[in-house]
Full PDB file with SEQRES, HELIX, SHEET, SSBOND, CRYST1, ORIGX, SCALE, CONECT and MASTER records, all heavy atoms in Angstrom:
SEQRES   1 A   29  LEU ASP GLY VAL GLU LEU GLU GLU LYS TYR ALA ARG TYR          
SEQRES   2 A   29  TYR PRO GLN ASP ASP VAL ALA ALA ASP VAL ILE GLY TYR          
SEQRES   3 A   29  VAL ASP LYS                                                  
HELIX    1 AA1 ALA A   21  ILE A   24  1                                   4    
CRYST1    1.000    1.000    1.000  90.00  90.00  90.00 P 1           1          
ORIGX1      1.000000  0.000000  0.000000        0.00000                         
ORIGX2      0.000000  1.000000  0.000000        0.00000                         
ORIGX3      0.000000  0.000000  1.000000        0.00000                         
SCALE1      1.000000  0.000000  0.000000        0.00000                         
SCALE2      0.000000  1.000000  0.000000        0.00000                         
SCALE3      0.000000  0.000000  1.000000        0.00000                         
ATOM      1  N   LEU A   1     -16.358  18.896   2.634  1.00  0.00           N  
ATOM      2  CA  LEU A   1     -16.585  19.243   4.041  1.00  0.00           C  
ATOM      3  C   LEU A   1     -15.425  20.061   4.579  1.00  0.00           C  
ATOM      4  O   LEU A   1     -14.252  19.704   4.382  1.00  0.00           O  
ATOM      5  CB  LEU A   1     -16.739  17.961   4.867  1.00  0.00           C  
ATOM      6  CG  LEU A   1     -17.960  17.090   4.568  1.00  0.00           C  
ATOM      7  CD1 LEU A   1     -17.883  15.797   5.354  1.00  0.00           C  
ATOM      8  CD2 LEU A   1     -19.244  17.843   4.882  1.00  0.00           C  
ATOM      9  N   ASP A   2     -15.751  21.157   5.253  1.00  0.00           N  
ATOM     10  CA  ASP A   2     -14.721  21.941   5.936  1.00  0.00           C  
ATOM     11  C   ASP A   2     -14.179  21.141   7.116  1.00  0.00           C  
ATOM     12  O   ASP A   2     -14.925  20.465   7.834  1.00  0.00           O  
ATOM     13  CB  ASP A   2     -15.302  23.266   6.432  1.00  0.00           C  
ATOM     14  CG  ASP A   2     -15.685  24.191   5.291  1.00  0.00           C  
ATOM     15  OD1 ASP A   2     -15.080  24.056   4.216  1.00  0.00           O  
ATOM     16  OD2 ASP A   2     -16.592  25.025   5.474  1.00  0.00           O  
ATOM     17  N   GLY A   3     -12.849  21.229   7.330  1.00  0.00           N  
ATOM     18  CA  GLY A   3     -12.231  20.512   8.432  1.00  0.00           C  
ATOM     19  C   GLY A   3     -11.888  19.076   8.121  1.00  0.00           C  
ATOM     20  O   GLY A   3     -11.447  18.342   9.004  1.00  0.00           O  
ATOM     21  N   VAL A   4     -12.070  18.641   6.866  1.00  0.00           N  
ATOM     22  CA  VAL A   4     -11.718  17.281   6.441  1.00  0.00           C  
ATOM     23  C   VAL A   4     -10.567  17.385   5.444  1.00  0.00           C  
ATOM     24  O   VAL A   4     -10.697  18.038   4.409  1.00  0.00           O  
ATOM     25  CB  VAL A   4     -12.917  16.557   5.814  1.00  0.00           C  
ATOM     26  CG1 VAL A   4     -12.494  15.189   5.293  1.00  0.00           C  
ATOM     27  CG2 VAL A   4     -14.037  16.411   6.834  1.00  0.00           C  
ATOM     28  N   GLU A   5      -9.451  16.738   5.766  1.00  0.00           N  
ATOM     29  CA  GLU A   5      -8.235  16.878   4.954  1.00  0.00           C  
ATOM     30  C   GLU A   5      -7.739  15.506   4.495  1.00  0.00           C  
ATOM     31  O   GLU A   5      -7.690  14.556   5.278  1.00  0.00           O  
ATOM     32  CB  GLU A   5      -7.139  17.569   5.779  1.00  0.00           C  
ATOM     33  CG  GLU A   5      -5.802  17.682   5.068  1.00  0.00           C  
ATOM     34  CD  GLU A   5      -4.692  18.160   5.984  1.00  0.00           C  
ATOM     35  OE1 GLU A   5      -4.946  18.294   7.197  1.00  0.00           O  
ATOM     36  OE2 GLU A   5      -3.583  18.380   5.483  1.00  0.00           O  
ATOM     37  N   LEU A   6      -7.369  15.408   3.239  1.00  0.00           N  
ATOM     38  CA  LEU A   6      -6.810  14.190   2.671  1.00  0.00           C  
ATOM     39  C   LEU A   6      -5.336  14.422   2.339  1.00  0.00           C  
ATOM     40  O   LEU A   6      -4.996  15.361   1.624  1.00  0.00           O  
ATOM     41  CB  LEU A   6      -7.570  13.773   1.416  1.00  0.00           C  
ATOM     42  CG  LEU A   6      -8.912  13.070   1.617  1.00  0.00           C  
ATOM     43  CD1 LEU A   6      -9.617  12.894   0.280  1.00  0.00           C  
ATOM     44  CD2 LEU A   6      -8.729  11.721   2.290  1.00  0.00           C  
ATOM     45  N   GLU A   7      -4.481  13.561   2.864  1.00  0.00           N  
ATOM     46  CA  GLU A   7      -3.045  13.636   2.559  1.00  0.00           C  
ATOM     47  C   GLU A   7      -2.698  12.468   1.655  1.00  0.00           C  
ATOM     48  O   GLU A   7      -2.942  11.315   1.996  1.00  0.00           O  
ATOM     49  CB  GLU A   7      -2.231  13.562   3.850  1.00  0.00           C  
ATOM     50  CG  GLU A   7      -0.735  13.652   3.643  1.00  0.00           C  
ATOM     51  CD  GLU A   7       0.029  13.472   4.939  1.00  0.00           C  
ATOM     52  OE1 GLU A   7       0.252  14.480   5.629  1.00  0.00           O  
ATOM     53  OE2 GLU A   7       0.377  12.324   5.267  1.00  0.00           O  
ATOM     54  N   GLU A   8      -2.122  12.751   0.497  1.00  0.00           N  
ATOM     55  CA  GLU A   8      -1.827  11.698  -0.465  1.00  0.00           C  
ATOM     56  C   GLU A   8      -0.347  11.341  -0.483  1.00  0.00           C  
ATOM     57  O   GLU A   8       0.515  12.182  -0.258  1.00  0.00           O  
ATOM     58  CB  GLU A   8      -2.279  12.099  -1.867  1.00  0.00           C  
ATOM     59  CG  GLU A   8      -1.576  13.304  -2.439  1.00  0.00           C  
ATOM     60  CD  GLU A   8      -2.079  13.663  -3.829  1.00  0.00           C  
ATOM     61  OE1 GLU A   8      -3.277  13.468  -4.098  1.00  0.00           O  
ATOM     62  OE2 GLU A   8      -1.252  14.132  -4.637  1.00  0.00           O  
ATOM     63  N   LYS A   9      -0.077  10.070  -0.732  1.00  0.00           N  
ATOM     64  CA  LYS A   9       1.299   9.594  -0.891  1.00  0.00           C  
ATOM     65  C   LYS A   9       1.255   8.277  -1.663  1.00  0.00           C  
ATOM     66  O   LYS A   9       0.197   7.661  -1.827  1.00  0.00           O  
ATOM     67  CB  LYS A   9       1.971   9.390   0.470  1.00  0.00           C  
ATOM     68  CG  LYS A   9       1.353   8.296   1.312  1.00  0.00           C  
ATOM     69  CD  LYS A   9       2.130   8.111   2.599  1.00  0.00           C  
ATOM     70  CE  LYS A   9       1.529   6.988   3.447  1.00  0.00           C  
ATOM     71  NZ  LYS A   9       2.292   6.779   4.704  1.00  0.00           N  
ATOM     72  N   TYR A  10       2.426   7.849  -2.127  1.00  0.00           N  
ATOM     73  CA  TYR A  10       2.517   6.595  -2.865  1.00  0.00           C  
ATOM     74  C   TYR A  10       2.958   5.474  -1.920  1.00  0.00           C  
ATOM     75  O   TYR A  10       3.733   5.693  -0.986  1.00  0.00           O  
ATOM     76  CB  TYR A  10       3.507   6.704  -4.019  1.00  0.00           C  
ATOM     77  CG  TYR A  10       2.938   7.403  -5.226  1.00  0.00           C  
ATOM     78  CD1 TYR A  10       3.035   8.787  -5.362  1.00  0.00           C  
ATOM     79  CD2 TYR A  10       2.280   6.689  -6.214  1.00  0.00           C  
ATOM     80  CE1 TYR A  10       2.510   9.435  -6.462  1.00  0.00           C  
ATOM     81  CE2 TYR A  10       1.749   7.329  -7.322  1.00  0.00           C  
ATOM     82  CZ  TYR A  10       1.869   8.696  -7.435  1.00  0.00           C  
ATOM     83  OH  TYR A  10       1.342   9.330  -8.530  1.00  0.00           O  
ATOM     84  N   ALA A  11       2.445   4.286  -2.174  1.00  0.00           N  
ATOM     85  CA  ALA A  11       2.808   3.113  -1.380  1.00  0.00           C  
ATOM     86  C   ALA A  11       2.850   1.889  -2.278  1.00  0.00           C  
ATOM     87  O   ALA A  11       2.219   1.845  -3.341  1.00  0.00           O  
ATOM     88  CB  ALA A  11       1.812   2.901  -0.239  1.00  0.00           C  
ATOM     89  N   ARG A  12       3.596   0.878  -1.844  1.00  0.00           N  
ATOM     90  CA  ARG A  12       3.703  -0.366  -2.601  1.00  0.00           C  
ATOM     91  C   ARG A  12       2.404  -1.152  -2.449  1.00  0.00           C  
ATOM     92  O   ARG A  12       1.830  -1.235  -1.357  1.00  0.00           O  
ATOM     93  CB  ARG A  12       4.877  -1.177  -2.086  1.00  0.00           C  
ATOM     94  CG  ARG A  12       5.396  -2.236  -3.068  1.00  0.00           C  
ATOM     95  CD  ARG A  12       6.002  -1.631  -4.281  1.00  0.00           C  
ATOM     96  NE  ARG A  12       6.850  -2.574  -5.031  1.00  0.00           N  
ATOM     97  CZ  ARG A  12       7.251  -2.370  -6.257  1.00  0.00           C  
ATOM     98  NH1 ARG A  12       6.857  -1.266  -6.903  1.00  0.00           N  
ATOM     99  NH2 ARG A  12       8.036  -3.238  -6.866  1.00  0.00           N  
ATOM    100  N   TYR A  13       1.959  -1.747  -3.543  1.00  0.00           N  
ATOM    101  CA  TYR A  13       0.699  -2.477  -3.540  1.00  0.00           C  
ATOM    102  C   TYR A  13       0.903  -3.825  -4.226  1.00  0.00           C  
ATOM    103  O   TYR A  13       1.563  -3.915  -5.268  1.00  0.00           O  
ATOM    104  CB  TYR A  13      -0.386  -1.674  -4.261  1.00  0.00           C  
ATOM    105  CG  TYR A  13      -1.696  -2.394  -4.413  1.00  0.00           C  
ATOM    106  CD1 TYR A  13      -2.399  -2.845  -3.304  1.00  0.00           C  
ATOM    107  CD2 TYR A  13      -2.237  -2.634  -5.671  1.00  0.00           C  
ATOM    108  CE1 TYR A  13      -3.605  -3.519  -3.440  1.00  0.00           C  
ATOM    109  CE2 TYR A  13      -3.449  -3.300  -5.828  1.00  0.00           C  
ATOM    110  CZ  TYR A  13      -4.125  -3.740  -4.700  1.00  0.00           C  
ATOM    111  OH  TYR A  13      -5.308  -4.403  -4.845  1.00  0.00           O  
ATOM    112  N   TYR A  14       0.326  -4.856  -3.625  1.00  0.00           N  
ATOM    113  CA  TYR A  14       0.453  -6.217  -4.138  1.00  0.00           C  
ATOM    114  C   TYR A  14      -0.945  -6.729  -4.504  1.00  0.00           C  
ATOM    115  O   TYR A  14      -1.684  -7.220  -3.628  1.00  0.00           O  
ATOM    116  CB  TYR A  14       1.116  -7.111  -3.094  1.00  0.00           C  
ATOM    117  CG  TYR A  14       2.454  -6.571  -2.648  1.00  0.00           C  
ATOM    118  CD1 TYR A  14       2.545  -5.715  -1.548  1.00  0.00           C  
ATOM    119  CD2 TYR A  14       3.618  -6.867  -3.339  1.00  0.00           C  
ATOM    120  CE1 TYR A  14       3.764  -5.190  -1.148  1.00  0.00           C  
ATOM    121  CE2 TYR A  14       4.838  -6.364  -2.954  1.00  0.00           C  
ATOM    122  CZ  TYR A  14       4.904  -5.516  -1.856  1.00  0.00           C  
ATOM    123  OH  TYR A  14       6.113  -4.991  -1.468  1.00  0.00           O  
ATOM    124  N   PRO A  15      -1.340  -6.600  -5.766  1.00  0.00           N  
ATOM    125  CA  PRO A  15      -2.721  -6.926  -6.164  1.00  0.00           C  
ATOM    126  C   PRO A  15      -3.088  -8.400  -5.977  1.00  0.00           C  
ATOM    127  O   PRO A  15      -4.269  -8.727  -5.896  1.00  0.00           O  
ATOM    128  CB  PRO A  15      -2.769  -6.525  -7.643  1.00  0.00           C  
ATOM    129  CG  PRO A  15      -1.357  -6.505  -8.097  1.00  0.00           C  
ATOM    130  CD  PRO A  15      -0.548  -6.112  -6.911  1.00  0.00           C  
ATOM    131  N   GLN A  16      -2.100  -9.296  -5.901  1.00  0.00           N  
ATOM    132  CA  GLN A  16      -2.395 -10.722  -5.731  1.00  0.00           C  
ATOM    133  C   GLN A  16      -2.373 -11.140  -4.265  1.00  0.00           C  
ATOM    134  O   GLN A  16      -2.428 -12.340  -3.964  1.00  0.00           O  
ATOM    135  CB  GLN A  16      -1.380 -11.569  -6.527  1.00  0.00           C  
ATOM    136  CG  GLN A  16      -1.159 -11.131  -7.951  1.00  0.00           C  
ATOM    137  CD  GLN A  16      -2.423 -11.128  -8.783  1.00  0.00           C  
ATOM    138  OE1 GLN A  16      -3.355 -11.877  -8.506  1.00  0.00           O  
ATOM    139  NE2 GLN A  16      -2.473 -10.278  -9.804  1.00  0.00           N  
ATOM    140  N   ASP A  17      -2.261 -10.168  -3.361  1.00  0.00           N  
ATOM    141  CA  ASP A  17      -2.228 -10.433  -1.922  1.00  0.00           C  
ATOM    142  C   ASP A  17      -1.109 -11.416  -1.580  1.00  0.00           C  
ATOM    143  O   ASP A  17       0.033 -11.149  -1.867  1.00  0.00           O  
ATOM    144  CB  ASP A  17      -3.592 -10.923  -1.431  1.00  0.00           C  
ATOM    145  CG  ASP A  17      -4.648  -9.820  -1.517  1.00  0.00           C  
ATOM    146  OD1 ASP A  17      -4.275  -8.644  -1.351  1.00  0.00           O  
ATOM    147  OD2 ASP A  17      -5.829 -10.124  -1.768  1.00  0.00           O  
ATOM    148  N   ASP A  18      -1.453 -12.586  -1.008  1.00  0.00           N  
ATOM    149  CA  ASP A  18      -0.423 -13.495  -0.502  1.00  0.00           C  
ATOM    150  C   ASP A  18      -0.004 -14.579  -1.495  1.00  0.00           C  
ATOM    151  O   ASP A  18       0.790 -15.452  -1.149  1.00  0.00           O  
ATOM    152  CB  ASP A  18      -0.905 -14.164   0.790  1.00  0.00           C  
ATOM    153  CG  ASP A  18      -2.166 -15.002   0.570  1.00  0.00           C  
ATOM    154  OD1 ASP A  18      -2.701 -14.981  -0.554  1.00  0.00           O  
ATOM    155  OD2 ASP A  18      -2.606 -15.662   1.524  1.00  0.00           O  
ATOM    156  N   VAL A  19      -0.489 -14.543  -2.718  1.00  0.00           N  
ATOM    157  CA  VAL A  19      -0.246 -15.635  -3.668  1.00  0.00           C  
ATOM    158  C   VAL A  19       1.248 -15.825  -3.919  1.00  0.00           C  
ATOM    159  O   VAL A  19       1.748 -16.958  -3.975  1.00  0.00           O  
ATOM    160  CB  VAL A  19      -0.987 -15.384  -4.999  1.00  0.00           C  
ATOM    161  CG1 VAL A  19      -0.613 -16.440  -6.031  1.00  0.00           C  
ATOM    162  CG2 VAL A  19      -2.489 -15.401  -4.764  1.00  0.00           C  
ATOM    163  N   ALA A  20       1.992 -14.736  -4.067  1.00  0.00           N  
ATOM    164  CA  ALA A  20       3.426 -14.837  -4.373  1.00  0.00           C  
ATOM    165  C   ALA A  20       4.278 -14.155  -3.304  1.00  0.00           C  
ATOM    166  O   ALA A  20       5.417 -13.771  -3.565  1.00  0.00           O  
ATOM    167  CB  ALA A  20       3.719 -14.222  -5.735  1.00  0.00           C  
ATOM    168  N   ALA A  21       3.746 -14.035  -2.099  1.00  0.00           N  
ATOM    169  CA  ALA A  21       4.461 -13.303  -1.043  1.00  0.00           C  
ATOM    170  C   ALA A  21       5.809 -13.931  -0.720  1.00  0.00           C  
ATOM    171  O   ALA A  21       6.764 -13.224  -0.384  1.00  0.00           O  
ATOM    172  CB  ALA A  21       3.597 -13.232   0.217  1.00  0.00           C  
ATOM    173  N   ASP A  22       5.921 -15.269  -0.804  1.00  0.00           N  
ATOM    174  CA  ASP A  22       7.171 -15.949  -0.451  1.00  0.00           C  
ATOM    175  C   ASP A  22       8.320 -15.541  -1.366  1.00  0.00           C  
ATOM    176  O   ASP A  22       9.478 -15.552  -0.963  1.00  0.00           O  
ATOM    177  CB  ASP A  22       6.990 -17.472  -0.551  1.00  0.00           C  
ATOM    178  CG  ASP A  22       5.652 -17.913   0.016  1.00  0.00           C  
ATOM    179  OD1 ASP A  22       5.428 -17.667   1.202  1.00  0.00           O  
ATOM    180  OD2 ASP A  22       4.835 -18.461  -0.748  1.00  0.00           O  
ATOM    181  N   VAL A  23       7.991 -15.174  -2.597  1.00  0.00           N  
ATOM    182  CA  VAL A  23       9.014 -14.778  -3.570  1.00  0.00           C  
ATOM    183  C   VAL A  23       9.157 -13.263  -3.631  1.00  0.00           C  
ATOM    184  O   VAL A  23      10.273 -12.738  -3.631  1.00  0.00           O  
ATOM    185  CB  VAL A  23       8.669 -15.336  -4.969  1.00  0.00           C  
ATOM    186  CG1 VAL A  23       9.669 -14.835  -6.010  1.00  0.00           C  
ATOM    187  CG2 VAL A  23       8.648 -16.852  -4.946  1.00  0.00           C  
ATOM    188  N   ILE A  24       8.049 -12.545  -3.665  1.00  0.00           N  
ATOM    189  CA  ILE A  24       8.078 -11.094  -3.859  1.00  0.00           C  
ATOM    190  C   ILE A  24       8.554 -10.370  -2.614  1.00  0.00           C  
ATOM    191  O   ILE A  24       9.320  -9.417  -2.692  1.00  0.00           O  
ATOM    192  CB  ILE A  24       6.683 -10.586  -4.279  1.00  0.00           C  
ATOM    193  CG1 ILE A  24       6.221 -11.325  -5.537  1.00  0.00           C  
ATOM    194  CG2 ILE A  24       6.732  -9.084  -4.529  1.00  0.00           C  
ATOM    195  CD1 ILE A  24       7.172 -11.205  -6.698  1.00  0.00           C  
ATOM    196  N   GLY A  25       8.105 -10.804  -1.429  1.00  0.00           N  
ATOM    197  CA  GLY A  25       8.454 -10.095  -0.196  1.00  0.00           C  
ATOM    198  C   GLY A  25       7.599  -8.863  -0.004  1.00  0.00           C  
ATOM    199  O   GLY A  25       6.448  -8.807  -0.434  1.00  0.00           O  
ATOM    200  N   TYR A  26       8.171  -7.820   0.615  1.00  0.00           N  
ATOM    201  CA  TYR A  26       7.423  -6.591   0.859  1.00  0.00           C  
ATOM    202  C   TYR A  26       8.387  -5.441   1.097  1.00  0.00           C  
ATOM    203  O   TYR A  26       9.595  -5.643   1.294  1.00  0.00           O  
ATOM    204  CB  TYR A  26       6.501  -6.755   2.076  1.00  0.00           C  
ATOM    205  CG  TYR A  26       7.234  -6.750   3.413  1.00  0.00           C  
ATOM    206  CD1 TYR A  26       7.336  -5.592   4.177  1.00  0.00           C  
ATOM    207  CD2 TYR A  26       7.836  -7.908   3.899  1.00  0.00           C  
ATOM    208  CE1 TYR A  26       8.013  -5.584   5.384  1.00  0.00           C  
ATOM    209  CE2 TYR A  26       8.515  -7.912   5.112  1.00  0.00           C  
ATOM    210  CZ  TYR A  26       8.590  -6.747   5.848  1.00  0.00           C  
ATOM    211  OH  TYR A  26       9.276  -6.743   7.038  1.00  0.00           O  
ATOM    212  N   VAL A  27       7.863  -4.206   1.060  1.00  0.00           N  
ATOM    213  CA  VAL A  27       8.631  -3.013   1.430  1.00  0.00           C  
ATOM    214  C   VAL A  27       7.979  -2.394   2.652  1.00  0.00           C  
ATOM    215  O   VAL A  27       6.763  -2.506   2.859  1.00  0.00           O  
ATOM    216  CB  VAL A  27       8.697  -1.985   0.278  1.00  0.00           C  
ATOM    217  CG1 VAL A  27       9.410  -2.559  -0.913  1.00  0.00           C  
ATOM    218  CG2 VAL A  27       7.298  -1.521  -0.112  1.00  0.00           C  
ATOM    219  N   ASP A  28       8.777  -1.719   3.491  1.00  0.00           N  
ATOM    220  CA  ASP A  28       8.247  -1.107   4.707  1.00  0.00           C  
ATOM    221  C   ASP A  28       7.714   0.290   4.424  1.00  0.00           C  
ATOM    222  O   ASP A  28       7.624   0.728   3.271  1.00  0.00           O  
ATOM    223  CB  ASP A  28       9.320  -1.069   5.803  1.00  0.00           C  
ATOM    224  CG  ASP A  28      10.559  -0.283   5.384  1.00  0.00           C  
ATOM    225  OD1 ASP A  28      10.485   0.461   4.381  1.00  0.00           O  
ATOM    226  OD2 ASP A  28      11.595  -0.397   6.054  1.00  0.00           O  
ATOM    227  N   LYS A  29       7.371   1.029   5.481  1.00  0.00           N  
ATOM    228  CA  LYS A  29       6.800   2.356   5.326  1.00  0.00           C  
ATOM    229  C   LYS A  29       7.785   3.352   4.741  1.00  0.00           C  
ATOM    230  O   LYS A  29       7.382   4.374   4.186  1.00  0.00           O  
ATOM    231  CB  LYS A  29       6.284   2.858   6.686  1.00  0.00           C  
ATOM    232  CG  LYS A  29       5.105   2.066   7.219  1.00  0.00           C  
ATOM    233  CD  LYS A  29       4.621   2.630   8.536  1.00  0.00           C  
ATOM    234  CE  LYS A  29       3.419   1.843   9.060  1.00  0.00           C  
ATOM    235  NZ  LYS A  29       2.928   2.379  10.358  1.00  0.00           N  
TER     236      LYS A  29                                                      
MASTER        0    0    0    1    0    0    0    6  235    1    0    3          
END                                                                             
């Protein structure tokens, strides 16, 4: 589609969601 633009970038992803959040933590933007 004309006028539709996708901007790509890399981001941190946690496939187990909250299962190990207390240990793993997170990264910001």
